[in-house]
Amino acid sequence: MPQVFKVLVGLKTEQGDPIHFKVDGGRFNQARTLKLNVNANYIMEISVKPHKEILSLNVFGGNVTIEEITAKNQTAYVTTWNTAGFDMAKKGNRQQIPIIAEIKDIGTFKVNLQCKFYGETEKQHVNWGDACHFIDYDCKLPDGSSFVDVVKETFR
């Protein structure tokens, strides 16, 4: 019997404000695009429901240090991710940011966040669209596999 669970990924500004996304339809690899500034720090939070320990987190090919936090009887893992080194997106371009988490007693969870990068001080366009507090991933681990299948993705 496959294991069924949720993985929640949150991304907010260093000041605690939500990031925004826009719906792109079928023009790109994914229907929704997260809007981020270059050379900015973002707080990334990841958790599994029911709770499982996150053993490691890799963002865009680099392992990041995670801190375990518990609030309201929920445990999450938090890191700061810096967008230094990314270029501002040209019109019609999107960047795929792979997120890979090793989850204890489950295996490997991997998703790509589709992002558009704006200038360091740009505040108008980066805040247009809907606020994104978390992306919920309904997941299952097929019998005999150590790689997680994402069944459904929900922006909230």
N, C-alpha and C. Protein backbone atom coordinates (compact mmCIF):
# COMPACT_ATOMS: atom_id res chain seq x y z
N MET A 1 0.85 -1.19 0.00
CA MET A 1 0.00 0.00 0.00
C MET A 1 0.89 1.25 0.00
N PRO A 2 0.74 2.14 -0.97
CA PRO A 2 1.60 3.34 -1.02
C PRO A 2 1.33 4.27 0.17
N GLN A 3 2.40 4.94 0.61
CA GLN A 3 2.25 5.97 1.65
C GLN A 3 1.69 7.23 1.01
N VAL A 4 0.76 7.90 1.71
CA VAL A 4 0.16 9.14 1.23
C VAL A 4 0.43 10.21 2.28
N PHE A 5 0.87 11.39 1.84
CA PHE A 5 1.22 12.47 2.77
C PHE A 5 1.25 13.78 2.01
N LYS A 6 1.46 14.88 2.74
CA LYS A 6 1.59 16.21 2.15
C LYS A 6 2.96 16.78 2.46
N VAL A 7 3.48 17.52 1.50
CA VAL A 7 4.68 18.32 1.73
C VAL A 7 4.27 19.76 1.49
N LEU A 8 4.58 20.64 2.44
CA LEU A 8 4.28 22.06 2.30
C LEU A 8 5.59 22.82 2.15
N VAL A 9 5.65 23.68 1.13
CA VAL A 9 6.82 24.51 0.89
C VAL A 9 6.36 25.96 0.92
N GLY A 10 6.95 26.75 1.80
CA GLY A 10 6.64 28.17 1.90
C GLY A 10 7.85 29.00 1.58
N LEU A 11 7.61 30.15 0.98
CA LEU A 11 8.69 31.07 0.64
C LEU A 11 8.18 32.47 0.94
N LYS A 12 8.92 33.22 1.75
CA LYS A 12 8.54 34.60 2.06
C LYS A 12 9.78 35.47 2.07
N THR A 13 9.55 36.77 2.03
CA THR A 13 10.68 37.70 2.03
C THR A 13 11.36 37.66 3.40
N GLU A 14 12.54 38.20 3.43
CA GLU A 14 13.29 38.27 4.69
C GLU A 14 12.52 39.06 5.76
N GLN A 15 11.67 39.99 5.32
CA GLN A 15 10.86 40.77 6.24
C GLN A 15 9.59 40.03 6.67
N GLY A 16 9.34 38.85 6.11
CA GLY A 16 8.17 38.06 6.49
C GLY A 16 6.97 38.25 5.59
N ASP A 17 7.10 39.02 4.52
CA ASP A 17 5.99 39.24 3.59
C ASP A 17 5.88 38.08 2.62
N PRO A 18 4.65 37.75 2.21
CA PRO A 18 4.51 36.67 1.24
C PRO A 18 5.07 37.07 -0.12
N ILE A 19 5.49 36.09 -0.87
CA ILE A 19 5.87 36.34 -2.25
C ILE A 19 4.59 36.27 -3.09
N HIS A 20 4.68 36.62 -4.35
CA HIS A 20 3.52 36.61 -5.23
C HIS A 20 3.77 35.69 -6.41
N PHE A 21 2.67 35.27 -7.02
CA PHE A 21 2.78 34.45 -8.21
C PHE A 21 1.79 34.93 -9.25
N LYS A 22 2.03 34.53 -10.49
CA LYS A 22 1.09 34.83 -11.56
C LYS A 22 0.79 33.54 -12.29
N VAL A 23 -0.39 33.52 -12.88
CA VAL A 23 -0.82 32.35 -13.64
C VAL A 23 -0.40 32.57 -15.10
N ASP A 24 0.40 31.65 -15.61
CA ASP A 24 0.90 31.76 -16.97
C ASP A 24 0.18 30.83 -17.94
N GLY A 25 -0.70 30.00 -17.43
CA GLY A 25 -1.38 29.05 -18.32
C GLY A 25 -0.40 28.03 -18.85
N GLY A 26 -0.51 27.70 -20.12
CA GLY A 26 0.33 26.67 -20.71
C GLY A 26 1.54 27.17 -21.46
N ARG A 27 1.91 28.45 -21.27
CA ARG A 27 3.03 29.01 -22.03
C ARG A 27 4.40 28.46 -21.62
N PHE A 28 4.50 27.97 -20.38
CA PHE A 28 5.79 27.52 -19.85
C PHE A 28 5.65 26.11 -19.30
N ASN A 29 6.69 25.61 -18.65
CA ASN A 29 6.66 24.25 -18.09
C ASN A 29 5.57 24.07 -17.05
N GLN A 30 5.30 25.12 -16.29
CA GLN A 30 4.29 25.05 -15.23
C GLN A 30 3.29 26.19 -15.40
N ALA A 31 2.13 26.02 -14.83
CA ALA A 31 1.06 27.00 -15.00
C ALA A 31 1.25 28.26 -14.16
N ARG A 32 2.03 28.18 -13.07
CA ARG A 32 2.22 29.32 -12.17
C ARG A 32 3.69 29.68 -12.04
N THR A 33 3.95 30.99 -11.94
CA THR A 33 5.31 31.50 -11.82
C THR A 33 5.43 32.33 -10.55
N LEU A 34 6.42 31.98 -9.71
CA LEU A 34 6.74 32.77 -8.52
C LEU A 34 7.56 33.98 -8.95
N LYS A 35 7.32 35.11 -8.30
CA LYS A 35 8.00 36.36 -8.65
C LYS A 35 8.98 36.73 -7.53
N LEU A 36 10.26 36.81 -7.88
CA LEU A 36 11.30 37.06 -6.89
C LEU A 36 12.25 38.15 -7.37
N ASN A 37 12.92 38.79 -6.42
CA ASN A 37 13.95 39.76 -6.73
C ASN A 37 15.31 39.06 -6.77
N VAL A 38 16.22 39.57 -7.60
CA VAL A 38 17.60 39.08 -7.57
C VAL A 38 18.29 39.68 -6.35
N ASN A 39 19.35 39.03 -5.90
CA ASN A 39 20.16 39.51 -4.77
C ASN A 39 19.33 39.78 -3.52
N ALA A 40 18.39 38.89 -3.25
CA ALA A 40 17.51 39.05 -2.08
C ALA A 40 17.53 37.76 -1.26
N ASN A 41 17.29 37.91 0.03
CA ASN A 41 17.16 36.76 0.92
C ASN A 41 15.69 36.40 1.05
N TYR A 42 15.41 35.11 0.95
CA TYR A 42 14.07 34.58 1.15
C TYR A 42 14.12 33.50 2.21
N ILE A 43 13.07 33.44 3.01
CA ILE A 43 12.94 32.41 4.03
C ILE A 43 12.13 31.27 3.43
N MET A 44 12.73 30.09 3.38
CA MET A 44 12.04 28.91 2.86
C MET A 44 11.71 28.00 4.04
N GLU A 45 10.48 27.53 4.04
CA GLU A 45 10.02 26.62 5.08
C GLU A 45 9.47 25.37 4.41
N ILE A 46 9.80 24.21 4.96
CA ILE A 46 9.29 22.96 4.41
C ILE A 46 8.87 22.05 5.55
N SER A 47 7.73 21.39 5.38
CA SER A 47 7.25 20.46 6.40
C SER A 47 6.50 19.32 5.73
N VAL A 48 6.35 18.24 6.47
CA VAL A 48 5.65 17.06 5.99
C VAL A 48 4.52 16.76 6.96
N LYS A 49 3.33 16.44 6.41
CA LYS A 49 2.17 16.07 7.22
C LYS A 49 1.66 14.73 6.76
N PRO A 50 1.54 13.72 7.63
CA PRO A 50 1.95 13.75 9.03
C PRO A 50 3.47 13.92 9.14
N HIS A 51 3.90 14.44 10.27
CA HIS A 51 5.29 14.86 10.45
C HIS A 51 6.28 13.74 10.16
N LYS A 52 7.28 14.10 9.38
CA LYS A 52 8.47 13.30 9.14
C LYS A 52 9.66 14.25 9.16
N GLU A 53 10.79 13.76 9.60
CA GLU A 53 11.99 14.57 9.67
C GLU A 53 12.57 14.81 8.28
N ILE A 54 12.95 16.05 8.02
CA ILE A 54 13.68 16.40 6.80
C ILE A 54 15.16 16.23 7.11
N LEU A 55 15.81 15.30 6.42
CA LEU A 55 17.22 15.02 6.69
C LEU A 55 18.15 16.00 5.99
N SER A 56 17.77 16.43 4.77
CA SER A 56 18.59 17.39 4.04
C SER A 56 17.72 18.13 3.04
N LEU A 57 18.18 19.32 2.67
CA LEU A 57 17.46 20.14 1.71
C LEU A 57 18.48 20.72 0.73
N ASN A 58 18.15 20.61 -0.54
CA ASN A 58 19.00 21.10 -1.61
C ASN A 58 18.17 22.07 -2.45
N VAL A 59 18.69 23.28 -2.63
CA VAL A 59 18.00 24.30 -3.43
C VAL A 59 18.92 24.71 -4.57
N PHE A 60 18.45 24.53 -5.80
CA PHE A 60 19.19 24.89 -7.01
C PHE A 60 20.61 24.29 -7.01
N GLY A 61 20.70 23.04 -6.62
CA GLY A 61 21.97 22.32 -6.69
C GLY A 61 22.89 22.50 -5.52
N GLY A 62 22.48 23.26 -4.52
CA GLY A 62 23.34 23.47 -3.35
C GLY A 62 22.63 23.06 -2.07
N ASN A 63 23.34 22.30 -1.23
CA ASN A 63 22.77 21.95 0.06
C ASN A 63 22.68 23.20 0.93
N VAL A 64 21.58 23.33 1.64
CA VAL A 64 21.39 24.47 2.53
C VAL A 64 21.23 23.96 3.96
N THR A 65 21.61 24.78 4.90
CA THR A 65 21.47 24.45 6.31
C THR A 65 20.02 24.68 6.72
N ILE A 66 19.42 23.69 7.36
CA ILE A 66 18.05 23.83 7.81
C ILE A 66 18.00 23.84 9.34
N GLU A 67 17.04 24.58 9.85
CA GLU A 67 16.81 24.66 11.29
C GLU A 67 15.42 24.12 11.57
N GLU A 68 15.31 23.23 12.53
CA GLU A 68 14.02 22.68 12.91
C GLU A 68 13.33 23.64 13.87
N ILE A 69 12.07 23.97 13.57
CA ILE A 69 11.29 24.83 14.46
C ILE A 69 9.95 24.14 14.74
N THR A 70 9.44 24.36 15.94
CA THR A 70 8.14 23.81 16.30
C THR A 70 7.27 24.95 16.81
N ALA A 71 6.08 25.06 16.23
CA ALA A 71 5.11 26.07 16.65
C ALA A 71 3.71 25.48 16.47
N LYS A 72 2.86 25.71 17.44
CA LYS A 72 1.48 25.21 17.37
C LYS A 72 1.44 23.71 17.08
N ASN A 73 2.31 22.96 17.75
CA ASN A 73 2.39 21.50 17.61
C ASN A 73 2.71 21.04 16.19
N GLN A 74 3.32 21.90 15.39
CA GLN A 74 3.74 21.53 14.05
C GLN A 74 5.24 21.79 13.92
N THR A 75 5.93 20.85 13.31
CA THR A 75 7.37 20.98 13.11
C THR A 75 7.64 21.29 11.64
N ALA A 76 8.50 22.26 11.44
CA ALA A 76 8.90 22.65 10.09
C ALA A 76 10.41 22.83 10.07
N TYR A 77 10.95 22.92 8.88
CA TYR A 77 12.38 23.14 8.69
C TYR A 77 12.55 24.40 7.88
N VAL A 78 13.44 25.28 8.35
CA VAL A 78 13.56 26.61 7.78
C VAL A 78 15.00 26.87 7.36
N THR A 79 15.14 27.60 6.25
CA THR A 79 16.45 28.03 5.79
C THR A 79 16.31 29.41 5.16
N THR A 80 17.41 30.10 5.03
CA THR A 80 17.45 31.35 4.27
C THR A 80 18.12 31.03 2.93
N TRP A 81 17.44 31.45 1.86
CA TRP A 81 17.95 31.21 0.51
C TRP A 81 18.19 32.56 -0.15
N ASN A 82 19.38 32.74 -0.71
CA ASN A 82 19.75 34.01 -1.34
C ASN A 82 19.74 33.84 -2.86
N THR A 83 19.16 34.81 -3.55
CA THR A 83 19.06 34.75 -5.01
C THR A 83 20.21 35.46 -5.72
N ALA A 84 21.32 35.64 -5.02
CA ALA A 84 22.51 36.22 -5.65
C ALA A 84 22.96 35.31 -6.79
N GLY A 85 23.39 35.93 -7.86
CA GLY A 85 23.88 35.17 -8.99
C GLY A 85 22.84 34.91 -10.07
N PHE A 86 21.57 35.14 -9.77
CA PHE A 86 20.53 35.00 -10.78
C PHE A 86 20.44 36.29 -11.58
N ASP A 87 20.13 36.17 -12.84
CA ASP A 87 19.94 37.33 -13.71
C ASP A 87 18.47 37.68 -13.78
N MET A 88 18.20 38.96 -13.99
CA MET A 88 16.82 39.38 -14.21
C MET A 88 16.29 38.65 -15.44
N ALA A 89 15.05 38.23 -15.36
CA ALA A 89 14.45 37.47 -16.47
C ALA A 89 14.10 38.40 -17.62
N LYS A 90 14.42 37.96 -18.80
CA LYS A 90 13.98 38.67 -19.99
C LYS A 90 12.54 38.30 -20.24
N LYS A 91 11.84 39.13 -20.95
CA LYS A 91 10.43 38.87 -21.23
C LYS A 91 10.26 37.47 -21.83
N GLY A 92 9.34 36.73 -21.25
CA GLY A 92 9.05 35.40 -21.75
C GLY A 92 9.95 34.29 -21.22
N ASN A 93 10.89 34.63 -20.32
CA ASN A 93 11.78 33.61 -19.77
C ASN A 93 11.41 33.27 -18.33
N ARG A 94 11.58 32.02 -17.97
CA ARG A 94 11.35 31.55 -16.62
C ARG A 94 12.54 30.68 -16.21
N GLN A 95 12.81 30.64 -14.94
CA GLN A 95 13.91 29.84 -14.38
C GLN A 95 13.31 28.72 -13.54
N GLN A 96 13.76 27.51 -13.75
CA GLN A 96 13.33 26.37 -12.94
C GLN A 96 14.30 26.22 -11.77
N ILE A 97 13.76 26.26 -10.56
CA ILE A 97 14.57 26.12 -9.35
C ILE A 97 14.24 24.77 -8.71
N PRO A 98 15.15 23.79 -8.82
CA PRO A 98 14.86 22.50 -8.22
C PRO A 98 15.02 22.53 -6.69
N ILE A 99 14.05 21.92 -6.03
CA ILE A 99 14.05 21.75 -4.58
C ILE A 99 14.06 20.24 -4.34
N ILE A 100 15.05 19.75 -3.60
CA ILE A 100 15.15 18.32 -3.31
C ILE A 100 15.28 18.16 -1.80
N ALA A 101 14.38 17.37 -1.23
CA ALA A 101 14.42 17.10 0.21
C ALA A 101 14.50 15.60 0.43
N GLU A 102 15.40 15.20 1.31
CA GLU A 102 15.46 13.81 1.75
C GLU A 102 14.63 13.71 3.02
N ILE A 103 13.60 12.88 2.98
CA ILE A 103 12.65 12.76 4.08
C ILE A 103 12.84 11.41 4.75
N LYS A 104 13.06 11.45 6.06
CA LYS A 104 13.31 10.22 6.83
C LYS A 104 12.14 9.26 6.68
N ASP A 105 12.45 8.00 6.48
CA ASP A 105 11.48 6.91 6.35
C ASP A 105 10.60 7.03 5.12
N ILE A 106 10.91 7.96 4.22
CA ILE A 106 10.12 8.09 2.99
C ILE A 106 11.04 8.00 1.78
N GLY A 107 11.90 8.98 1.60
CA GLY A 107 12.79 8.99 0.45
C GLY A 107 13.01 10.39 -0.08
N THR A 108 13.09 10.51 -1.40
CA THR A 108 13.45 11.77 -2.05
C THR A 108 12.24 12.46 -2.64
N PHE A 109 12.05 13.70 -2.21
CA PHE A 109 10.99 14.58 -2.73
C PHE A 109 11.68 15.60 -3.61
N LYS A 110 11.20 15.75 -4.87
CA LYS A 110 11.81 16.72 -5.78
C LYS A 110 10.71 17.45 -6.54
N VAL A 111 10.81 18.79 -6.54
CA VAL A 111 9.92 19.63 -7.35
C VAL A 111 10.75 20.76 -7.95
N ASN A 112 10.20 21.38 -8.98
CA ASN A 112 10.80 22.58 -9.56
C ASN A 112 9.88 23.75 -9.29
N LEU A 113 10.43 24.83 -8.77
CA LEU A 113 9.69 26.07 -8.62
C LEU A 113 9.97 26.90 -9.87
N GLN A 114 8.94 27.28 -10.58
CA GLN A 114 9.10 28.12 -11.77
C GLN A 114 9.12 29.57 -11.31
N CYS A 115 10.20 30.28 -11.59
CA CYS A 115 10.38 31.63 -11.07
C CYS A 115 10.71 32.62 -12.18
N LYS A 116 10.32 33.86 -11.93
CA LYS A 116 10.75 34.99 -12.76
C LYS A 116 11.46 35.95 -11.82
N PHE A 117 12.66 36.34 -12.21
CA PHE A 117 13.47 37.21 -11.37
C PHE A 117 13.42 38.64 -11.86
N TYR A 118 13.18 39.55 -10.92
CA TYR A 118 13.12 40.98 -11.19
C TYR A 118 14.31 41.67 -10.54
N GLY A 119 14.53 42.91 -10.90
CA GLY A 119 15.65 43.69 -10.36
C GLY A 119 15.63 43.75 -8.84
N GLU A 120 16.80 44.02 -8.31
CA GLU A 120 17.01 44.04 -6.87
C GLU A 120 16.07 44.99 -6.13
N THR A 121 15.80 46.16 -6.71
CA THR A 121 14.97 47.16 -6.03
C THR A 121 13.55 47.23 -6.59
N GLU A 122 13.22 46.39 -7.55
CA GLU A 122 11.90 46.42 -8.17
C GLU A 122 10.84 45.96 -7.17
N LYS A 123 9.84 46.78 -6.93
CA LYS A 123 8.80 46.44 -5.95
C LYS A 123 7.41 46.36 -6.57
N GLN A 124 7.18 46.98 -7.70
CA GLN A 124 5.84 47.02 -8.28
C GLN A 124 5.47 45.69 -8.94
N HIS A 125 6.23 45.27 -9.95
CA HIS A 125 5.88 44.06 -10.69
C HIS A 125 6.01 42.80 -9.84
N VAL A 126 7.00 42.79 -8.94
CA VAL A 126 7.23 41.60 -8.13
C VAL A 126 6.08 41.35 -7.16
N ASN A 127 5.28 42.38 -6.88
CA ASN A 127 4.15 42.24 -5.96
C ASN A 127 2.80 42.16 -6.65
N TRP A 128 2.79 42.17 -7.97
CA TRP A 128 1.53 41.97 -8.69
C TRP A 128 1.19 40.49 -8.66
N GLY A 129 -0.10 40.21 -8.65
CA GLY A 129 -0.54 38.82 -8.67
C GLY A 129 -1.06 38.39 -7.32
N ASP A 130 -1.20 37.12 -7.15
CA ASP A 130 -1.75 36.55 -5.91
C ASP A 130 -0.62 36.27 -4.93
N ALA A 131 -0.91 36.50 -3.64
CA ALA A 131 0.06 36.16 -2.60
C ALA A 131 0.15 34.65 -2.46
N CYS A 132 1.34 34.17 -2.26
CA CYS A 132 1.58 32.73 -2.08
C CYS A 132 2.22 32.52 -0.71
N HIS A 133 1.46 31.93 0.19
CA HIS A 133 1.98 31.65 1.53
C HIS A 133 2.66 30.28 1.57
N PHE A 134 2.01 29.30 0.93
CA PHE A 134 2.54 27.94 0.85
C PHE A 134 2.13 27.30 -0.46
N ILE A 135 2.91 26.33 -0.87
CA ILE A 135 2.51 25.43 -1.95
C ILE A 135 2.34 24.07 -1.30
N ASP A 136 1.13 23.53 -1.40
CA ASP A 136 0.84 22.20 -0.85
C ASP A 136 1.04 21.17 -1.95
N TYR A 137 1.78 20.14 -1.64
CA TYR A 137 1.98 19.04 -2.57
C TYR A 137 1.36 17.78 -1.95
N ASP A 138 0.32 17.25 -2.58
CA ASP A 138 -0.22 15.95 -2.19
C ASP A 138 0.70 14.91 -2.81
N CYS A 139 1.22 14.03 -1.99
CA CYS A 139 2.25 13.10 -2.45
C CYS A 139 1.89 11.66 -2.10
N LYS A 140 2.53 10.77 -2.83
CA LYS A 140 2.47 9.36 -2.47
C LYS A 140 3.82 8.73 -2.78
N LEU A 141 4.13 7.72 -1.99
CA LEU A 141 5.35 6.95 -2.20
C LEU A 141 4.91 5.57 -2.66
N PRO A 142 5.11 5.28 -3.94
CA PRO A 142 4.70 3.97 -4.44
C PRO A 142 5.46 2.85 -3.73
N ASP A 143 4.82 1.70 -3.60
CA ASP A 143 5.47 0.54 -3.01
C ASP A 143 6.78 0.25 -3.71
N GLY A 144 7.82 0.01 -2.92
CA GLY A 144 9.11 -0.37 -3.48
C GLY A 144 9.92 0.77 -4.04
N SER A 145 9.45 2.02 -3.92
CA SER A 145 10.17 3.17 -4.46
C SER A 145 10.73 4.03 -3.34
N SER A 146 11.78 4.78 -3.65
CA SER A 146 12.29 5.76 -2.69
C SER A 146 12.17 7.17 -3.26
N PHE A 147 11.40 7.30 -4.36
CA PHE A 147 11.16 8.61 -4.97
C PHE A 147 9.68 8.95 -4.86
N VAL A 148 9.40 10.13 -4.36
CA VAL A 148 8.04 10.59 -4.10
C VAL A 148 7.37 11.04 -5.39
N ASP A 149 6.12 10.64 -5.58
CA ASP A 149 5.31 11.13 -6.69
C ASP A 149 4.44 12.28 -6.18
N VAL A 150 4.45 13.41 -6.89
CA VAL A 150 3.55 14.51 -6.56
C VAL A 150 2.26 14.29 -7.34
N VAL A 151 1.16 14.18 -6.60
CA VAL A 151 -0.14 13.89 -7.19
C VAL A 151 -0.90 15.18 -7.52
N LYS A 152 -0.73 16.20 -6.66
CA LYS A 152 -1.46 17.46 -6.83
C LYS A 152 -0.65 18.59 -6.21
N GLU A 153 -0.71 19.77 -6.85
CA GLU A 153 -0.02 20.97 -6.36
C GLU A 153 -1.08 22.06 -6.17
N THR A 154 -1.08 22.68 -4.98
CA THR A 154 -2.04 23.73 -4.67
C THR A 154 -1.32 24.95 -4.09
N PHE A 155 -1.49 26.10 -4.72
CA PHE A 155 -0.93 27.35 -4.20
C PHE A 155 -1.96 27.96 -3.26
N ARG A 156 -1.51 28.35 -2.07
CA ARG A 156 -2.43 29.01 -1.14
C ARG A 156 -1.73 30.12 -0.40
